[in-house]
Amino acid sequence: MARKLIGFDPEAQRALELLSRDSEKSLQELADEAFSDLMAKHHGACTLVEALKQISRPLLARGNKPKERRRS
């Protein structure tokens, strides 16, 4: 998992910690949920499977059919 350092002002940090305790979720789980919602809002892929589907849609729409694999 890639790591990024994100800074919060003290008031936001306290609010996140309270939400974490109230919801019984870790800060990581809250961040994952928030970023997933943000990506969905902006029509971005949230998972690898969704990303692959988004990539393949334009290719299939143009008539580029996947080639059949030869079986040995």
PDB file of N, CA and C in Angstrom:
ATOM      1  N   MET A   1       0.839  -1.162   0.000  1.00  0.00           N
ATOM      2  CA  MET A   1       0.000   0.000   0.000  1.00  0.00           C
ATOM      3  C   MET A   1       0.891   1.233   0.000  1.00  0.00           C
ATOM      4  N   ALA A   2       0.589   2.153  -0.890  1.00  0.00           N
ATOM      5  CA  ALA A   2       1.330   3.411  -0.946  1.00  0.00           C
ATOM      6  C   ALA A   2       0.937   4.272   0.246  1.00  0.00           C
ATOM      7  N   ARG A   3       1.872   5.054   0.712  1.00  0.00           N
ATOM      8  CA  ARG A   3       1.605   5.914   1.868  1.00  0.00           C
ATOM      9  C   ARG A   3       1.830   7.361   1.484  1.00  0.00           C
ATOM     10  N   LYS A   4       0.945   8.221   1.968  1.00  0.00           N
ATOM     11  CA  LYS A   4       1.070   9.665   1.788  1.00  0.00           C
ATOM     12  C   LYS A   4       0.829  10.317   3.134  1.00  0.00           C
ATOM     13  N   LEU A   5       1.515  11.393   3.393  1.00  0.00           N
ATOM     14  CA  LEU A   5       1.346  12.135   4.624  1.00  0.00           C
ATOM     15  C   LEU A   5       0.368  13.271   4.360  1.00  0.00           C
ATOM     16  N   ILE A   6      -0.712  13.311   5.134  1.00  0.00           N
ATOM     17  CA  ILE A   6      -1.724  14.344   4.973  1.00  0.00           C
ATOM     18  C   ILE A   6      -1.831  15.097   6.289  1.00  0.00           C
ATOM     19  N   GLY A   7      -1.772  16.424   6.213  1.00  0.00           N
ATOM     20  CA  GLY A   7      -1.864  17.245   7.411  1.00  0.00           C
ATOM     21  C   GLY A   7      -3.283  17.745   7.640  1.00  0.00           C
ATOM     22  N   PHE A   8      -3.677  17.809   8.885  1.00  0.00           N
ATOM     23  CA  PHE A   8      -4.982  18.333   9.276  1.00  0.00           C
ATOM     24  C   PHE A   8      -4.775  19.410  10.319  1.00  0.00           C
ATOM     25  N   ASP A   9      -5.646  20.409  10.301  1.00  0.00           N
ATOM     26  CA  ASP A   9      -5.581  21.373  11.387  1.00  0.00           C
ATOM     27  C   ASP A   9      -6.095  20.676  12.657  1.00  0.00           C
ATOM     28  N   PRO A  10      -5.729  21.175  13.830  1.00  0.00           N
ATOM     29  CA  PRO A  10      -6.097  20.484  15.078  1.00  0.00           C
ATOM     30  C   PRO A  10      -7.599  20.235  15.238  1.00  0.00           C
ATOM     31  N   GLU A  11      -8.420  21.168  14.821  1.00  0.00           N
ATOM     32  CA  GLU A  11      -9.874  21.003  14.952  1.00  0.00           C
ATOM     33  C   GLU A  11     -10.376  19.851  14.083  1.00  0.00           C
ATOM     34  N   ALA A  12      -9.889  19.760  12.863  1.00  0.00           N
ATOM     35  CA  ALA A  12     -10.281  18.661  11.967  1.00  0.00           C
ATOM     36  C   ALA A  12      -9.767  17.327  12.508  1.00  0.00           C
ATOM     37  N   GLN A  13      -8.574  17.321  13.060  1.00  0.00           N
ATOM     38  CA  GLN A  13      -8.007  16.100  13.635  1.00  0.00           C
ATOM     39  C   GLN A  13      -8.872  15.592  14.785  1.00  0.00           C
ATOM     40  N   ARG A  14      -9.289  16.486  15.672  1.00  0.00           N
ATOM     41  CA  ARG A  14     -10.154  16.084  16.789  1.00  0.00           C
ATOM     42  C   ARG A  14     -11.487  15.541  16.277  1.00  0.00           C
ATOM     43  N   ALA A  15     -12.058  16.203  15.252  1.00  0.00           N
ATOM     44  CA  ALA A  15     -13.332  15.747  14.694  1.00  0.00           C
ATOM     45  C   ALA A  15     -13.194  14.362  14.076  1.00  0.00           C
ATOM     46  N   LEU A  16     -12.087  14.116  13.380  1.00  0.00           N
ATOM     47  CA  LEU A  16     -11.852  12.799  12.783  1.00  0.00           C
ATOM     48  C   LEU A  16     -11.667  11.722  13.853  1.00  0.00           C
ATOM     49  N   GLU A  17     -10.961  12.062  14.912  1.00  0.00           N
ATOM     50  CA  GLU A  17     -10.768  11.095  15.998  1.00  0.00           C
ATOM     51  C   GLU A  17     -12.095  10.753  16.675  1.00  0.00           C
ATOM     52  N   LEU A  18     -12.954  11.771  16.891  1.00  0.00           N
ATOM     53  CA  LEU A  18     -14.275  11.519  17.472  1.00  0.00           C
ATOM     54  C   LEU A  18     -15.127  10.653  16.552  1.00  0.00           C
ATOM     55  N   LEU A  19     -15.110  10.968  15.264  1.00  0.00           N
ATOM     56  CA  LEU A  19     -15.865  10.180  14.296  1.00  0.00           C
ATOM     57  C   LEU A  19     -15.354   8.750  14.265  1.00  0.00           C
ATOM     58  N   SER A  20     -14.046   8.587  14.355  1.00  0.00           N
ATOM     59  CA  SER A  20     -13.442   7.262  14.360  1.00  0.00           C
ATOM     60  C   SER A  20     -13.944   6.445  15.548  1.00  0.00           C
ATOM     61  N   ARG A  21     -13.948   7.063  16.718  1.00  0.00           N
ATOM     62  CA  ARG A  21     -14.435   6.353  17.913  1.00  0.00           C
ATOM     63  C   ARG A  21     -15.929   6.059  17.817  1.00  0.00           C
ATOM     64  N   ASP A  22     -16.717   7.063  17.384  1.00  0.00           N
ATOM     65  CA  ASP A  22     -18.174   6.894  17.314  1.00  0.00           C
ATOM     66  C   ASP A  22     -18.586   5.829  16.310  1.00  0.00           C
ATOM     67  N   SER A  23     -17.874   5.770  15.197  1.00  0.00           N
ATOM     68  CA  SER A  23     -18.236   4.824  14.135  1.00  0.00           C
ATOM     69  C   SER A  23     -17.523   3.480  14.275  1.00  0.00           C
ATOM     70  N   GLU A  24     -16.615   3.393  15.253  1.00  0.00           N
ATOM     71  CA  GLU A  24     -15.821   2.186  15.466  1.00  0.00           C
ATOM     72  C   GLU A  24     -15.029   1.788  14.212  1.00  0.00           C
ATOM     73  N   LYS A  25     -14.519   2.797  13.542  1.00  0.00           N
ATOM     74  CA  LYS A  25     -13.670   2.588  12.366  1.00  0.00           C
ATOM     75  C   LYS A  25     -12.329   3.265  12.608  1.00  0.00           C
ATOM     76  N   SER A  26     -11.297   2.731  11.986  1.00  0.00           N
ATOM     77  CA  SER A  26      -9.980   3.360  12.096  1.00  0.00           C
ATOM     78  C   SER A  26      -9.935   4.592  11.192  1.00  0.00           C
ATOM     79  N   LEU A  27      -8.941   5.442  11.425  1.00  0.00           N
ATOM     80  CA  LEU A  27      -8.771   6.602  10.548  1.00  0.00           C
ATOM     81  C   LEU A  27      -8.510   6.144   9.113  1.00  0.00           C
ATOM     82  N   GLN A  28      -7.810   5.031   8.942  1.00  0.00           N
ATOM     83  CA  GLN A  28      -7.556   4.500   7.605  1.00  0.00           C
ATOM     84  C   GLN A  28      -8.855   4.103   6.918  1.00  0.00           C
ATOM     85  N   GLU A  29      -9.754   3.455   7.660  1.00  0.00           N
ATOM     86  CA  GLU A  29     -11.042   3.055   7.088  1.00  0.00           C
ATOM     87  C   GLU A  29     -11.871   4.281   6.712  1.00  0.00           C
ATOM     88  N   LEU A  30     -11.833   5.316   7.546  1.00  0.00           N
ATOM     89  CA  LEU A  30     -12.555   6.555   7.219  1.00  0.00           C
ATOM     90  C   LEU A  30     -11.967   7.207   5.973  1.00  0.00           C
ATOM     91  N   ALA A  31     -10.642   7.218   5.880  1.00  0.00           N
ATOM     92  CA  ALA A  31      -9.986   7.804   4.711  1.00  0.00           C
ATOM     93  C   ALA A  31     -10.308   7.010   3.447  1.00  0.00           C
ATOM     94  N   ASP A  32     -10.272   5.682   3.546  1.00  0.00           N
ATOM     95  CA  ASP A  32     -10.600   4.839   2.395  1.00  0.00           C
ATOM     96  C   ASP A  32     -12.018   5.127   1.901  1.00  0.00           C
ATOM     97  N   GLU A  33     -12.950   5.222   2.841  1.00  0.00           N
ATOM     98  CA  GLU A  33     -14.349   5.496   2.495  1.00  0.00           C
ATOM     99  C   GLU A  33     -14.488   6.874   1.855  1.00  0.00           C
ATOM    100  N   ALA A  34     -13.811   7.876   2.414  1.00  0.00           N
ATOM    101  CA  ALA A  34     -13.899   9.238   1.883  1.00  0.00           C
ATOM    102  C   ALA A  34     -13.320   9.327   0.473  1.00  0.00           C
ATOM    103  N   PHE A  35     -12.161   8.707   0.259  1.00  0.00           N
ATOM    104  CA  PHE A  35     -11.549   8.766  -1.065  1.00  0.00           C
ATOM    105  C   PHE A  35     -12.340   7.956  -2.090  1.00  0.00           C
ATOM    106  N   SER A  36     -12.916   6.862  -1.664  1.00  0.00           N
ATOM    107  CA  SER A  36     -13.767   6.066  -2.553  1.00  0.00           C
ATOM    108  C   SER A  36     -14.994   6.880  -2.989  1.00  0.00           C
ATOM    109  N   ASP A  37     -15.608   7.567  -2.033  1.00  0.00           N
ATOM    110  CA  ASP A  37     -16.759   8.417  -2.351  1.00  0.00           C
ATOM    111  C   ASP A  37     -16.364   9.549  -3.282  1.00  0.00           C
ATOM    112  N   LEU A  38     -15.206  10.143  -3.045  1.00  0.00           N
ATOM    113  CA  LEU A  38     -14.727  11.236  -3.890  1.00  0.00           C
ATOM    114  C   LEU A  38     -14.477  10.759  -5.319  1.00  0.00           C
ATOM    115  N   MET A  39     -13.859   9.591  -5.461  1.00  0.00           N
ATOM    116  CA  MET A  39     -13.617   9.052  -6.800  1.00  0.00           C
ATOM    117  C   MET A  39     -14.922   8.715  -7.509  1.00  0.00           C
ATOM    118  N   ALA A  40     -15.879   8.167  -6.787  1.00  0.00           N
ATOM    119  CA  ALA A  40     -17.178   7.841  -7.384  1.00  0.00           C
ATOM    120  C   ALA A  40     -17.888   9.116  -7.822  1.00  0.00           C
ATOM    121  N   LYS A  41     -17.788  10.157  -7.026  1.00  0.00           N
ATOM    122  CA  LYS A  41     -18.431  11.433  -7.358  1.00  0.00           C
ATOM    123  C   LYS A  41     -17.884  11.993  -8.669  1.00  0.00           C
ATOM    124  N   HIS A  42     -16.618  11.824  -8.884  1.00  0.00           N
ATOM    125  CA  HIS A  42     -15.973  12.353 -10.089  1.00  0.00           C
ATOM    126  C   HIS A  42     -15.788  11.275 -11.157  1.00  0.00           C
ATOM    127  N   HIS A  43     -16.577  10.230 -11.058  1.00  0.00           N
ATOM    128  CA  HIS A  43     -16.610   9.140 -12.039  1.00  0.00           C
ATOM    129  C   HIS A  43     -15.277   8.447 -12.211  1.00  0.00           C
ATOM    130  N   GLY A  44     -14.530   8.372 -11.169  1.00  0.00           N
ATOM    131  CA  GLY A  44     -13.262   7.650 -11.206  1.00  0.00           C
ATOM    132  C   GLY A  44     -13.462   6.232 -10.724  1.00  0.00           C
ATOM    133  N   ALA A  45     -12.545   5.400 -11.069  1.00  0.00           N
ATOM    134  CA  ALA A  45     -12.614   3.998 -10.634  1.00  0.00           C
ATOM    135  C   ALA A  45     -12.185   3.900  -9.178  1.00  0.00           C
ATOM    136  N   CYS A  46     -12.870   3.067  -8.432  1.00  0.00           N
ATOM    137  CA  CYS A  46     -12.539   2.877  -7.021  1.00  0.00           C
ATOM    138  C   CYS A  46     -11.761   1.593  -6.794  1.00  0.00           C
ATOM    139  N   THR A  47     -11.875   0.652  -7.700  1.00  0.00           N
ATOM    140  CA  THR A  47     -11.168  -0.615  -7.552  1.00  0.00           C
ATOM    141  C   THR A  47     -10.454  -0.936  -8.855  1.00  0.00           C
ATOM    142  N   LEU A  48      -9.556  -1.888  -8.811  1.00  0.00           N
ATOM    143  CA  LEU A  48      -8.837  -2.301 -10.008  1.00  0.00           C
ATOM    144  C   LEU A  48      -9.802  -2.830 -11.060  1.00  0.00           C
ATOM    145  N   VAL A  49     -10.783  -3.609 -10.640  1.00  0.00           N
ATOM    146  CA  VAL A  49     -11.757  -4.180 -11.578  1.00  0.00           C
ATOM    147  C   VAL A  49     -12.517  -3.053 -12.289  1.00  0.00           C
ATOM    148  N   GLU A  50     -12.948  -2.047 -11.533  1.00  0.00           N
ATOM    149  CA  GLU A  50     -13.651  -0.917 -12.140  1.00  0.00           C
ATOM    150  C   GLU A  50     -12.745  -0.164 -13.104  1.00  0.00           C
ATOM    151  N   ALA A  51     -11.485   0.012 -12.738  1.00  0.00           N
ATOM    152  CA  ALA A  51     -10.536   0.702 -13.619  1.00  0.00           C
ATOM    153  C   ALA A  51     -10.362  -0.054 -14.925  1.00  0.00           C
ATOM    154  N   LEU A  52     -10.239  -1.366 -14.854  1.00  0.00           N
ATOM    155  CA  LEU A  52     -10.079  -2.165 -16.073  1.00  0.00           C
ATOM    156  C   LEU A  52     -11.331  -2.103 -16.943  1.00  0.00           C
ATOM    157  N   LYS A  53     -12.500  -2.101 -16.318  1.00  0.00           N
ATOM    158  CA  LYS A  53     -13.744  -1.985 -17.080  1.00  0.00           C
ATOM    159  C   LYS A  53     -13.809  -0.644 -17.789  1.00  0.00           C
ATOM    160  N   GLN A  54     -13.416   0.440 -17.098  1.00  0.00           N
ATOM    161  CA  GLN A  54     -13.450   1.763 -17.710  1.00  0.00           C
ATOM    162  C   GLN A  54     -12.486   1.851 -18.882  1.00  0.00           C
ATOM    163  N   ILE A  55     -11.341   1.227 -18.761  1.00  0.00           N
ATOM    164  CA  ILE A  55     -10.349   1.246 -19.842  1.00  0.00           C
ATOM    165  C   ILE A  55     -10.869   0.473 -21.052  1.00  0.00           C
ATOM    166  N   SER A  56     -11.537  -0.655 -20.813  1.00  0.00           N
ATOM    167  CA  SER A  56     -11.952  -1.516 -21.916  1.00  0.00           C
ATOM    168  C   SER A  56     -13.189  -0.999 -22.643  1.00  0.00           C
ATOM    169  N   ARG A  57     -14.041  -0.232 -21.995  1.00  0.00           N
ATOM    170  CA  ARG A  57     -15.281   0.248 -22.640  1.00  0.00           C
ATOM    171  C   ARG A  57     -15.026   0.993 -23.947  1.00  0.00           C
ATOM    172  N   PRO A  58     -14.145   1.998 -23.966  1.00  0.00           N
ATOM    173  CA  PRO A  58     -13.919   2.709 -25.235  1.00  0.00           C
ATOM    174  C   PRO A  58     -13.352   1.806 -26.328  1.00  0.00           C
ATOM    175  N   LEU A  59     -12.505   0.871 -25.940  1.00  0.00           N
ATOM    176  CA  LEU A  59     -11.919  -0.035 -26.930  1.00  0.00           C
ATOM    177  C   LEU A  59     -12.987  -0.917 -27.557  1.00  0.00           C
ATOM    178  N   LEU A  60     -13.884  -1.452 -26.736  1.00  0.00           N
ATOM    179  CA  LEU A  60     -14.940  -2.318 -27.242  1.00  0.00           C
ATOM    180  C   LEU A  60     -15.955  -1.520 -28.047  1.00  0.00           C
ATOM    181  N   ALA A  61     -16.195  -0.279 -27.677  1.00  0.00           N
ATOM    182  CA  ALA A  61     -17.154   0.567 -28.391  1.00  0.00           C
ATOM    183  C   ALA A  61     -16.668   0.875 -29.806  1.00  0.00           C
ATOM    184  N   ARG A  62     -15.359   0.928 -30.010  1.00  0.00           N
ATOM    185  CA  ARG A  62     -14.805   1.207 -31.340  1.00  0.00           C
ATOM    186  C   ARG A  62     -14.721  -0.045 -32.202  1.00  0.00           C
ATOM    187  N   GLY A  63     -15.156  -1.145 -31.669  1.00  0.00           N
ATOM    188  CA  GLY A  63     -15.135  -2.374 -32.449  1.00  0.00           C
ATOM    189  C   GLY A  63     -13.888  -3.200 -32.261  1.00  0.00           C
ATOM    190  N   ASN A  64     -13.049  -2.820 -31.355  1.00  0.00           N
ATOM    191  CA  ASN A  64     -11.842  -3.596 -31.065  1.00  0.00           C
ATOM    192  C   ASN A  64     -12.218  -4.745 -30.158  1.00  0.00           C
ATOM    193  N   LYS A  65     -12.448  -5.873 -30.737  1.00  0.00           N
ATOM    194  CA  LYS A  65     -12.819  -7.054 -29.963  1.00  0.00           C
ATOM    195  C   LYS A  65     -11.557  -7.698 -29.408  1.00  0.00           C
ATOM    196  N   PRO A  66     -11.625  -8.235 -28.213  1.00  0.00           N
ATOM    197  CA  PRO A  66     -10.453  -8.938 -27.685  1.00  0.00           C
ATOM    198  C   PRO A  66     -10.119 -10.143 -28.557  1.00  0.00           C
ATOM    199  N   LYS A  67      -8.848 -10.334 -28.785  1.00  0.00           N
ATOM    200  CA  LYS A  67      -8.417 -11.477 -29.606  1.00  0.00           C
ATOM    201  C   LYS A  67      -8.556 -12.749 -28.797  1.00  0.00           C
ATOM    202  N   GLU A  68      -8.954 -13.800 -29.483  1.00  0.00           N
ATOM    203  CA  GLU A  68      -9.050 -15.089 -28.807  1.00  0.00           C
ATOM    204  C   GLU A  68      -7.648 -15.624 -28.574  1.00  0.00           C
ATOM    205  N   ARG A  69      -7.452 -16.202 -27.422  1.00  0.00           N
ATOM    206  CA  ARG A  69      -6.158 -16.771 -27.091  1.00  0.00           C
ATOM    207  C   ARG A  69      -6.065 -18.175 -27.638  1.00  0.00           C
ATOM    208  N   ARG A  70      -4.908 -18.488 -28.121  1.00  0.00           N
ATOM    209  CA  ARG A  70      -4.669 -19.862 -28.591  1.00  0.00           C
ATOM    210  C   ARG A  70      -4.417 -20.726 -27.379  1.00  0.00           C
ATOM    211  N   ARG A  71      -5.047 -21.854 -27.375  1.00  0.00           N
ATOM    212  CA  ARG A  71      -4.829 -22.810 -26.288  1.00  0.00           C
ATOM    213  C   ARG A  71      -3.844 -23.858 -26.746  1.00  0.00           C
ATOM    214  N   SER A  72      -2.882 -24.155 -25.889  1.00  0.00           N
ATOM    215  CA  SER A  72      -1.898 -25.164 -26.274  1.00  0.00           C
ATOM    216  C   SER A  72      -2.224 -26.503 -25.716  1.00  0.00           C
TER     217      SER A  72
END
